[in-house]
């Protein structure tokens, strides 16, 4: 199945339904940037997130989810995780591992079960929020709202553990 397609979105929604995960979805024109996506959901309650796909010197990958208003301090991330020489993964790595392209990277790419992803991290502040988190559901023409607990349930169903970091 081609990620970034309506078919991929529908498959994800079915998986969420099968896991009894509640969500709300907003349909909108294609959003290629966080700023565009934020504009389409303006006025809706939720934490606008960014998901970063990172790679270390040993070619291990990490999924990091944080509030899109925060900047990642790579040195701090390395200190907290023990990873060495972390940088943003190349687009080709993101596509190969998650089946996603820039603009639609989200934890939902973990449904592809990438073998080289060794850590899934969330900013602790975001997990403490009692309002929904927002993500593209494997396509950039929708934004999905769901609780942090439900997102963790989804990630755990893919065989990964969420680790919280105080960033």
N, C-alpha and C. Protein backbone atom coordinates (compact mmCIF):
# COMPACT_ATOMS: atom_id res chain seq x y z
N UNK A 1 0.84 -1.17 0.00
CA UNK A 1 0.00 0.00 0.00
C UNK A 1 0.88 1.24 0.00
N UNK A 2 0.52 2.19 -0.78
CA UNK A 2 1.28 3.43 -0.92
C UNK A 2 0.93 4.38 0.21
N UNK A 3 1.92 4.66 1.08
CA UNK A 3 1.69 5.64 2.14
C UNK A 3 1.56 7.00 1.46
N UNK A 4 0.88 7.91 2.11
CA UNK A 4 0.65 9.21 1.51
C UNK A 4 -0.55 9.18 0.58
N UNK A 5 -1.33 8.12 0.66
CA UNK A 5 -2.51 7.98 -0.19
C UNK A 5 -3.76 7.89 0.68
N UNK A 6 -4.88 8.13 0.07
CA UNK A 6 -6.16 7.99 0.78
C UNK A 6 -6.34 6.54 1.24
N UNK A 7 -5.86 5.60 0.47
CA UNK A 7 -5.93 4.18 0.85
C UNK A 7 -5.15 3.94 2.15
N UNK A 8 -3.98 4.54 2.28
CA UNK A 8 -3.18 4.39 3.50
C UNK A 8 -3.90 5.01 4.69
N UNK A 9 -4.55 6.13 4.47
CA UNK A 9 -5.30 6.79 5.53
C UNK A 9 -6.45 5.90 5.98
N UNK A 10 -7.20 5.35 5.04
CA UNK A 10 -8.33 4.48 5.39
C UNK A 10 -7.87 3.22 6.13
N UNK A 11 -6.73 2.67 5.73
CA UNK A 11 -6.19 1.49 6.42
C UNK A 11 -5.82 1.86 7.86
N UNK A 12 -5.24 3.04 8.06
CA UNK A 12 -4.91 3.48 9.41
C UNK A 12 -6.18 3.66 10.24
N UNK A 13 -7.19 4.30 9.68
CA UNK A 13 -8.43 4.51 10.42
C UNK A 13 -9.07 3.20 10.82
N UNK A 14 -8.99 2.20 9.94
CA UNK A 14 -9.51 0.88 10.29
C UNK A 14 -8.73 0.29 11.45
N UNK A 15 -7.41 0.45 11.42
CA UNK A 15 -6.59 -0.07 12.51
C UNK A 15 -6.93 0.63 13.83
N UNK A 16 -7.13 1.94 13.79
CA UNK A 16 -7.53 2.67 14.99
C UNK A 16 -8.88 2.17 15.50
N UNK A 17 -9.82 1.99 14.58
CA UNK A 17 -11.13 1.46 14.97
C UNK A 17 -11.00 0.07 15.58
N UNK A 18 -10.19 -0.79 14.98
CA UNK A 18 -9.99 -2.15 15.50
C UNK A 18 -9.39 -2.14 16.90
N UNK A 19 -8.60 -1.13 17.21
CA UNK A 19 -7.98 -1.00 18.53
C UNK A 19 -8.88 -0.22 19.51
N UNK A 20 -10.09 0.13 19.06
CA UNK A 20 -11.04 0.92 19.87
C UNK A 20 -10.43 2.25 20.31
N UNK A 21 -9.73 2.87 19.39
CA UNK A 21 -9.13 4.18 19.64
C UNK A 21 -10.05 5.25 19.07
N UNK A 22 -10.45 6.19 19.92
CA UNK A 22 -11.32 7.26 19.44
C UNK A 22 -10.47 8.40 18.88
N UNK A 23 -10.99 9.05 17.88
CA UNK A 23 -10.28 10.14 17.21
C UNK A 23 -11.30 11.02 16.51
N UNK A 24 -10.87 12.20 16.18
CA UNK A 24 -11.64 13.09 15.32
C UNK A 24 -10.75 13.44 14.15
N UNK A 25 -11.37 13.70 13.00
CA UNK A 25 -10.56 14.01 11.83
C UNK A 25 -11.13 15.24 11.13
N UNK A 26 -10.22 16.10 10.70
CA UNK A 26 -10.58 17.28 9.92
C UNK A 26 -10.03 17.08 8.51
N UNK A 27 -10.89 17.23 7.52
CA UNK A 27 -10.48 17.17 6.12
C UNK A 27 -10.09 18.58 5.67
N UNK A 28 -9.06 18.67 4.84
CA UNK A 28 -8.61 19.98 4.37
C UNK A 28 -7.79 19.79 3.09
N UNK A 29 -7.51 20.89 2.40
CA UNK A 29 -6.61 20.78 1.23
C UNK A 29 -5.24 20.26 1.67
N UNK A 30 -4.46 19.79 0.72
CA UNK A 30 -3.13 19.27 1.02
C UNK A 30 -2.31 20.33 1.77
N UNK A 31 -1.67 19.89 2.85
CA UNK A 31 -0.82 20.76 3.66
C UNK A 31 0.61 20.24 3.55
N UNK A 32 1.48 21.03 2.97
CA UNK A 32 2.87 20.61 2.79
C UNK A 32 3.80 21.07 3.90
N UNK A 33 3.31 21.96 4.76
CA UNK A 33 4.13 22.46 5.87
C UNK A 33 3.31 22.43 7.16
N UNK A 34 4.02 22.50 8.28
CA UNK A 34 3.33 22.57 9.57
C UNK A 34 2.46 23.82 9.62
N UNK A 35 2.97 24.92 9.08
CA UNK A 35 2.22 26.18 9.10
C UNK A 35 0.90 26.05 8.34
N UNK A 36 0.93 25.40 7.18
CA UNK A 36 -0.31 25.21 6.42
C UNK A 36 -1.28 24.32 7.20
N UNK A 37 -0.78 23.23 7.75
CA UNK A 37 -1.64 22.32 8.51
C UNK A 37 -2.25 23.05 9.71
N UNK A 38 -1.44 23.83 10.41
CA UNK A 38 -1.94 24.57 11.57
C UNK A 38 -3.05 25.54 11.16
N UNK A 39 -2.91 26.18 10.02
CA UNK A 39 -3.93 27.12 9.55
C UNK A 39 -5.25 26.40 9.29
N UNK A 40 -5.19 25.18 8.77
CA UNK A 40 -6.41 24.44 8.45
C UNK A 40 -7.15 23.96 9.71
N UNK A 41 -6.45 23.84 10.83
CA UNK A 41 -7.11 23.38 12.05
C UNK A 41 -7.19 24.49 13.10
N UNK A 42 -6.94 25.71 12.68
CA UNK A 42 -7.01 26.86 13.58
C UNK A 42 -8.39 26.89 14.26
N UNK A 43 -8.37 27.12 15.57
CA UNK A 43 -9.61 27.19 16.32
C UNK A 43 -10.04 25.86 16.93
N UNK A 44 -9.44 24.78 16.50
CA UNK A 44 -9.73 23.46 17.07
C UNK A 44 -8.80 23.25 18.26
N UNK A 45 -9.29 22.63 19.30
CA UNK A 45 -8.47 22.37 20.47
C UNK A 45 -7.54 21.19 20.23
N UNK A 46 -6.26 21.39 20.44
CA UNK A 46 -5.31 20.31 20.27
C UNK A 46 -3.89 20.84 20.26
N UNK A 47 -2.94 19.96 20.58
CA UNK A 47 -1.53 20.30 20.53
C UNK A 47 -1.02 20.02 19.12
N UNK A 48 -0.62 21.05 18.42
CA UNK A 48 -0.02 20.86 17.09
C UNK A 48 1.35 20.23 17.32
N UNK A 49 1.59 19.11 16.67
CA UNK A 49 2.81 18.35 16.89
C UNK A 49 3.70 18.36 15.66
N UNK A 50 4.96 17.99 15.90
CA UNK A 50 5.85 17.69 14.79
C UNK A 50 6.50 16.36 15.15
N UNK A 51 6.65 15.54 14.13
CA UNK A 51 7.30 14.24 14.30
C UNK A 51 8.58 14.28 13.51
N UNK A 52 9.67 14.01 14.19
CA UNK A 52 10.97 14.02 13.53
C UNK A 52 11.50 12.59 13.45
N UNK A 53 12.06 12.28 12.30
CA UNK A 53 12.68 10.98 12.10
C UNK A 53 14.18 11.22 12.11
N UNK A 54 14.84 10.68 13.12
CA UNK A 54 16.25 10.95 13.37
C UNK A 54 17.09 9.70 13.13
N UNK A 55 18.38 9.92 12.87
CA UNK A 55 19.31 8.83 12.59
C UNK A 55 20.60 9.10 13.34
N UNK A 56 21.20 8.04 13.91
CA UNK A 56 22.48 8.23 14.59
C UNK A 56 23.62 7.66 13.76
N UNK A 57 24.84 7.77 14.31
CA UNK A 57 26.02 7.36 13.54
C UNK A 57 26.04 5.86 13.26
N UNK A 58 25.27 5.08 13.99
CA UNK A 58 25.22 3.63 13.78
C UNK A 58 24.07 3.22 12.85
N UNK A 59 23.45 4.22 12.22
CA UNK A 59 22.33 4.00 11.29
C UNK A 59 21.12 3.40 11.99
N UNK A 60 20.93 3.79 13.26
CA UNK A 60 19.72 3.46 14.00
C UNK A 60 18.81 4.67 13.92
N UNK A 61 17.52 4.40 13.90
CA UNK A 61 16.55 5.47 13.71
C UNK A 61 15.70 5.67 14.95
N UNK A 62 15.24 6.91 15.10
CA UNK A 62 14.43 7.29 16.25
C UNK A 62 13.25 8.12 15.75
N UNK A 63 12.08 7.89 16.34
CA UNK A 63 10.91 8.72 16.08
C UNK A 63 10.75 9.61 17.30
N UNK A 64 10.72 10.91 17.09
CA UNK A 64 10.56 11.87 18.18
C UNK A 64 9.35 12.74 17.88
N UNK A 65 8.43 12.80 18.85
CA UNK A 65 7.23 13.62 18.72
C UNK A 65 7.29 14.71 19.78
N UNK A 66 7.12 15.94 19.31
CA UNK A 66 7.14 17.07 20.24
C UNK A 66 6.21 18.18 19.75
N UNK A 67 5.92 19.11 20.62
CA UNK A 67 5.11 20.27 20.29
C UNK A 67 5.80 21.02 19.15
N UNK A 68 5.05 21.42 18.14
CA UNK A 68 5.70 22.06 17.00
C UNK A 68 6.20 23.48 17.32
N UNK A 69 5.91 23.97 18.51
CA UNK A 69 6.44 25.28 18.91
C UNK A 69 7.83 25.17 19.54
N UNK A 70 8.27 23.96 19.83
CA UNK A 70 9.58 23.76 20.45
C UNK A 70 10.63 23.45 19.39
N UNK A 71 11.87 23.79 19.73
CA UNK A 71 13.01 23.43 18.89
C UNK A 71 13.75 22.30 19.57
N UNK A 72 14.22 21.36 18.79
CA UNK A 72 14.98 20.24 19.34
C UNK A 72 16.43 20.64 19.57
N UNK A 73 16.91 20.41 20.76
CA UNK A 73 18.32 20.56 21.07
C UNK A 73 18.94 19.17 20.87
N UNK A 74 19.63 18.98 19.75
CA UNK A 74 20.17 17.66 19.41
C UNK A 74 21.14 17.16 20.48
N UNK A 75 21.92 18.05 21.04
CA UNK A 75 22.88 17.64 22.07
C UNK A 75 22.13 17.10 23.29
N UNK A 76 21.08 17.78 23.69
CA UNK A 76 20.27 17.32 24.83
C UNK A 76 19.63 15.97 24.53
N UNK A 77 19.11 15.80 23.31
CA UNK A 77 18.51 14.52 22.92
C UNK A 77 19.54 13.40 23.05
N UNK A 78 20.75 13.66 22.56
CA UNK A 78 21.82 12.66 22.63
C UNK A 78 22.16 12.32 24.08
N UNK A 79 22.22 13.33 24.93
CA UNK A 79 22.53 13.10 26.35
C UNK A 79 21.44 12.26 27.02
N UNK A 80 20.18 12.55 26.70
CA UNK A 80 19.06 11.85 27.33
C UNK A 80 18.90 10.41 26.84
N UNK A 81 19.29 10.15 25.58
CA UNK A 81 19.05 8.83 25.00
C UNK A 81 20.31 7.97 24.90
N UNK A 82 21.47 8.60 24.99
CA UNK A 82 22.72 7.86 24.80
C UNK A 82 23.09 7.67 23.34
N UNK A 83 22.28 8.22 22.44
CA UNK A 83 22.58 8.13 21.01
C UNK A 83 23.77 9.03 20.68
N UNK A 84 24.51 8.68 19.65
CA UNK A 84 25.68 9.45 19.24
C UNK A 84 25.49 10.03 17.84
N UNK A 85 25.92 11.27 17.69
CA UNK A 85 25.88 11.97 16.39
C UNK A 85 24.51 11.83 15.71
N UNK A 86 23.51 12.37 16.33
CA UNK A 86 22.14 12.31 15.82
C UNK A 86 21.89 13.48 14.88
N UNK A 87 21.21 13.17 13.78
CA UNK A 87 20.81 14.20 12.82
C UNK A 87 19.46 13.79 12.23
N UNK A 88 18.89 14.69 11.45
CA UNK A 88 17.65 14.36 10.76
C UNK A 88 17.96 13.27 9.74
N UNK A 89 17.07 12.27 9.65
CA UNK A 89 17.24 11.22 8.66
C UNK A 89 17.02 11.80 7.26
N UNK A 90 17.67 11.23 6.30
CA UNK A 90 17.49 11.66 4.91
C UNK A 90 16.10 11.23 4.44
N UNK A 91 15.57 11.96 3.45
CA UNK A 91 14.25 11.64 2.92
C UNK A 91 14.16 10.18 2.47
N UNK A 92 15.22 9.67 1.83
CA UNK A 92 15.21 8.28 1.35
C UNK A 92 15.11 7.30 2.52
N UNK A 93 15.77 7.61 3.64
CA UNK A 93 15.66 6.76 4.82
C UNK A 93 14.24 6.78 5.38
N UNK A 94 13.65 7.95 5.42
CA UNK A 94 12.29 8.09 5.94
C UNK A 94 11.32 7.26 5.10
N UNK A 95 11.46 7.34 3.79
CA UNK A 95 10.58 6.58 2.91
C UNK A 95 10.83 5.09 3.06
N UNK A 96 12.09 4.68 3.12
CA UNK A 96 12.41 3.25 3.24
C UNK A 96 11.93 2.67 4.57
N UNK A 97 12.11 3.40 5.65
CA UNK A 97 11.78 2.87 6.97
C UNK A 97 10.30 3.01 7.33
N UNK A 98 9.72 4.18 7.06
CA UNK A 98 8.35 4.46 7.47
C UNK A 98 7.35 4.44 6.33
N UNK A 99 7.86 4.47 5.11
CA UNK A 99 6.95 4.54 3.98
C UNK A 99 6.32 5.91 3.84
N UNK A 100 6.93 6.91 4.45
CA UNK A 100 6.39 8.27 4.45
C UNK A 100 7.37 9.24 3.82
N UNK A 101 6.85 10.40 3.45
CA UNK A 101 7.68 11.47 2.88
C UNK A 101 7.55 12.70 3.76
N UNK A 102 8.50 13.63 3.67
CA UNK A 102 8.37 14.86 4.47
C UNK A 102 7.00 15.50 4.23
N UNK A 103 6.44 16.02 5.30
CA UNK A 103 5.11 16.63 5.22
C UNK A 103 4.04 15.72 5.80
N UNK A 104 4.30 14.42 5.85
CA UNK A 104 3.31 13.52 6.46
C UNK A 104 3.96 12.57 7.48
N UNK A 105 5.15 12.90 7.93
CA UNK A 105 5.81 12.04 8.92
C UNK A 105 5.02 12.09 10.23
N UNK A 106 4.70 10.93 10.74
CA UNK A 106 3.97 10.82 12.00
C UNK A 106 4.26 9.45 12.61
N UNK A 107 3.87 9.25 13.87
CA UNK A 107 4.06 7.93 14.48
C UNK A 107 3.28 6.83 13.76
N UNK A 108 2.33 7.21 12.94
CA UNK A 108 1.54 6.20 12.23
C UNK A 108 2.38 5.43 11.21
N UNK A 109 3.52 5.97 10.82
CA UNK A 109 4.44 5.24 9.94
C UNK A 109 5.01 3.99 10.61
N UNK A 110 4.90 3.90 11.93
CA UNK A 110 5.37 2.70 12.63
C UNK A 110 4.55 1.47 12.27
N UNK A 111 3.38 1.66 11.68
CA UNK A 111 2.56 0.53 11.25
C UNK A 111 3.27 -0.28 10.17
N UNK A 112 4.26 0.33 9.52
CA UNK A 112 5.05 -0.38 8.51
C UNK A 112 6.06 -1.33 9.16
N UNK A 113 6.21 -1.22 10.49
CA UNK A 113 7.12 -2.06 11.28
C UNK A 113 8.57 -1.98 10.80
N UNK A 114 9.12 -0.76 10.77
CA UNK A 114 10.52 -0.64 10.35
C UNK A 114 11.45 -1.35 11.32
N UNK A 115 12.40 -2.09 10.79
CA UNK A 115 13.30 -2.89 11.62
C UNK A 115 14.39 -2.07 12.30
N UNK A 116 14.76 -0.95 11.74
CA UNK A 116 15.88 -0.20 12.27
C UNK A 116 15.49 0.93 13.22
N UNK A 117 14.19 1.04 13.55
CA UNK A 117 13.76 2.03 14.52
C UNK A 117 14.00 1.45 15.91
N UNK A 118 14.84 2.12 16.68
CA UNK A 118 15.21 1.59 17.99
C UNK A 118 14.58 2.37 19.14
N UNK A 119 13.97 3.50 18.85
CA UNK A 119 13.36 4.27 19.92
C UNK A 119 12.24 5.15 19.44
N UNK A 120 11.18 5.23 20.25
CA UNK A 120 10.06 6.13 19.99
C UNK A 120 9.96 7.03 21.22
N UNK A 121 10.19 8.31 21.01
CA UNK A 121 10.27 9.26 22.11
C UNK A 121 9.21 10.35 21.97
N UNK A 122 8.69 10.76 23.12
CA UNK A 122 7.75 11.87 23.18
C UNK A 122 8.27 12.88 24.18
N UNK A 123 8.05 14.15 23.88
CA UNK A 123 8.34 15.20 24.83
C UNK A 123 7.36 15.04 26.00
N UNK A 124 7.88 14.94 27.21
CA UNK A 124 7.05 14.71 28.40
C UNK A 124 5.97 15.77 28.55
N UNK A 125 6.30 17.03 28.27
CA UNK A 125 5.29 18.09 28.40
C UNK A 125 4.06 17.80 27.57
N UNK A 126 4.26 17.26 26.40
CA UNK A 126 3.14 16.96 25.52
C UNK A 126 2.29 15.81 26.08
N UNK A 127 2.94 14.83 26.66
CA UNK A 127 2.20 13.70 27.23
C UNK A 127 1.38 14.14 28.44
N UNK A 128 1.82 15.18 29.11
CA UNK A 128 1.11 15.68 30.28
C UNK A 128 -0.14 16.48 29.91
N UNK A 129 -0.21 16.93 28.67
CA UNK A 129 -1.37 17.71 28.23
C UNK A 129 -2.62 16.83 28.23
N UNK A 130 -3.73 17.41 28.59
CA UNK A 130 -4.99 16.68 28.59
C UNK A 130 -5.85 17.04 27.37
N UNK A 131 -5.21 17.64 26.38
CA UNK A 131 -5.94 17.95 25.15
C UNK A 131 -5.38 17.07 24.04
N UNK A 132 -6.15 16.86 22.98
CA UNK A 132 -5.71 15.95 21.91
C UNK A 132 -4.43 16.40 21.22
N UNK A 133 -3.72 15.42 20.69
CA UNK A 133 -2.55 15.65 19.85
C UNK A 133 -3.00 15.58 18.40
N UNK A 134 -2.30 16.26 17.51
CA UNK A 134 -2.70 16.28 16.10
C UNK A 134 -1.59 15.74 15.21
N UNK A 135 -2.01 14.99 14.19
CA UNK A 135 -1.08 14.39 13.23
C UNK A 135 -1.78 14.24 11.88
N UNK A 136 -0.98 14.12 10.83
CA UNK A 136 -1.51 13.69 9.54
C UNK A 136 -1.63 12.16 9.60
N UNK A 137 -2.77 11.63 9.18
CA UNK A 137 -2.96 10.17 9.19
C UNK A 137 -2.47 9.50 7.90
N UNK A 138 -1.17 9.59 7.66
CA UNK A 138 -0.51 8.99 6.48
C UNK A 138 -0.89 9.64 5.16
N UNK A 139 -1.49 10.80 5.24
CA UNK A 139 -1.80 11.60 4.05
C UNK A 139 -1.97 13.04 4.53
N UNK A 140 -1.61 14.02 3.71
CA UNK A 140 -1.62 15.41 4.18
C UNK A 140 -2.90 16.17 3.87
N UNK A 141 -3.97 15.47 3.57
CA UNK A 141 -5.26 16.11 3.32
C UNK A 141 -6.24 15.93 4.47
N UNK A 142 -5.74 15.45 5.58
CA UNK A 142 -6.54 15.28 6.80
C UNK A 142 -5.63 15.55 7.99
N UNK A 143 -6.23 15.95 9.09
CA UNK A 143 -5.53 16.01 10.37
C UNK A 143 -6.37 15.25 11.37
N UNK A 144 -5.69 14.38 12.11
CA UNK A 144 -6.39 13.55 13.09
C UNK A 144 -6.07 14.05 14.49
N UNK A 145 -7.06 14.04 15.35
CA UNK A 145 -6.93 14.44 16.75
C UNK A 145 -7.18 13.21 17.60
N UNK A 146 -6.24 12.91 18.52
CA UNK A 146 -6.44 11.80 19.44
C UNK A 146 -5.65 12.04 20.71
N UNK A 147 -6.03 11.35 21.76
CA UNK A 147 -5.36 11.56 23.04
C UNK A 147 -3.98 10.93 23.04
N UNK A 148 -3.12 11.43 23.92
CA UNK A 148 -1.78 10.86 24.06
C UNK A 148 -1.87 9.39 24.47
N UNK A 149 -2.81 9.06 25.35
CA UNK A 149 -2.97 7.67 25.80
C UNK A 149 -3.36 6.77 24.63
N UNK A 150 -4.26 7.25 23.77
CA UNK A 150 -4.66 6.43 22.61
C UNK A 150 -3.52 6.30 21.61
N UNK A 151 -2.74 7.35 21.44
CA UNK A 151 -1.59 7.25 20.53
C UNK A 151 -0.58 6.24 21.08
N UNK A 152 -0.35 6.26 22.38
CA UNK A 152 0.55 5.28 22.98
C UNK A 152 0.02 3.86 22.77
N UNK A 153 -1.28 3.69 22.88
CA UNK A 153 -1.91 2.38 22.65
C UNK A 153 -1.62 1.91 21.22
N UNK A 154 -1.76 2.81 20.26
CA UNK A 154 -1.47 2.47 18.86
C UNK A 154 -0.01 2.06 18.70
N UNK A 155 0.90 2.86 19.25
CA UNK A 155 2.34 2.58 19.11
C UNK A 155 2.70 1.24 19.75
N UNK A 156 2.15 0.98 20.91
CA UNK A 156 2.42 -0.29 21.59
C UNK A 156 1.87 -1.47 20.78
N UNK A 157 0.75 -1.28 20.11
CA UNK A 157 0.18 -2.34 19.25
C UNK A 157 1.10 -2.64 18.07
N UNK A 158 2.00 -1.71 17.73
CA UNK A 158 2.96 -1.93 16.65
C UNK A 158 4.23 -2.60 17.17
N UNK A 159 4.30 -2.80 18.48
CA UNK A 159 5.45 -3.47 19.08
C UNK A 159 6.53 -2.54 19.60
N UNK A 160 6.21 -1.27 19.76
CA UNK A 160 7.16 -0.28 20.26
C UNK A 160 6.72 0.24 21.61
N UNK A 161 7.67 0.70 22.41
CA UNK A 161 7.39 1.34 23.68
C UNK A 161 7.65 2.83 23.54
N UNK A 162 6.77 3.64 24.08
CA UNK A 162 6.97 5.08 24.09
C UNK A 162 7.82 5.43 25.30
N UNK A 163 8.82 6.24 25.05
CA UNK A 163 9.67 6.73 26.13
C UNK A 163 9.53 8.25 26.20
N UNK A 164 9.30 8.76 27.41
CA UNK A 164 9.13 10.19 27.59
C UNK A 164 10.47 10.85 27.90
N UNK A 165 10.69 12.01 27.32
CA UNK A 165 11.91 12.79 27.56
C UNK A 165 11.51 14.20 28.01
N UNK A 166 12.21 14.72 28.99
CA UNK A 166 12.00 16.09 29.42
C UNK A 166 12.88 16.98 28.54
N UNK A 167 12.32 17.46 27.44
CA UNK A 167 13.08 18.27 26.48
C UNK A 167 12.88 19.75 26.75
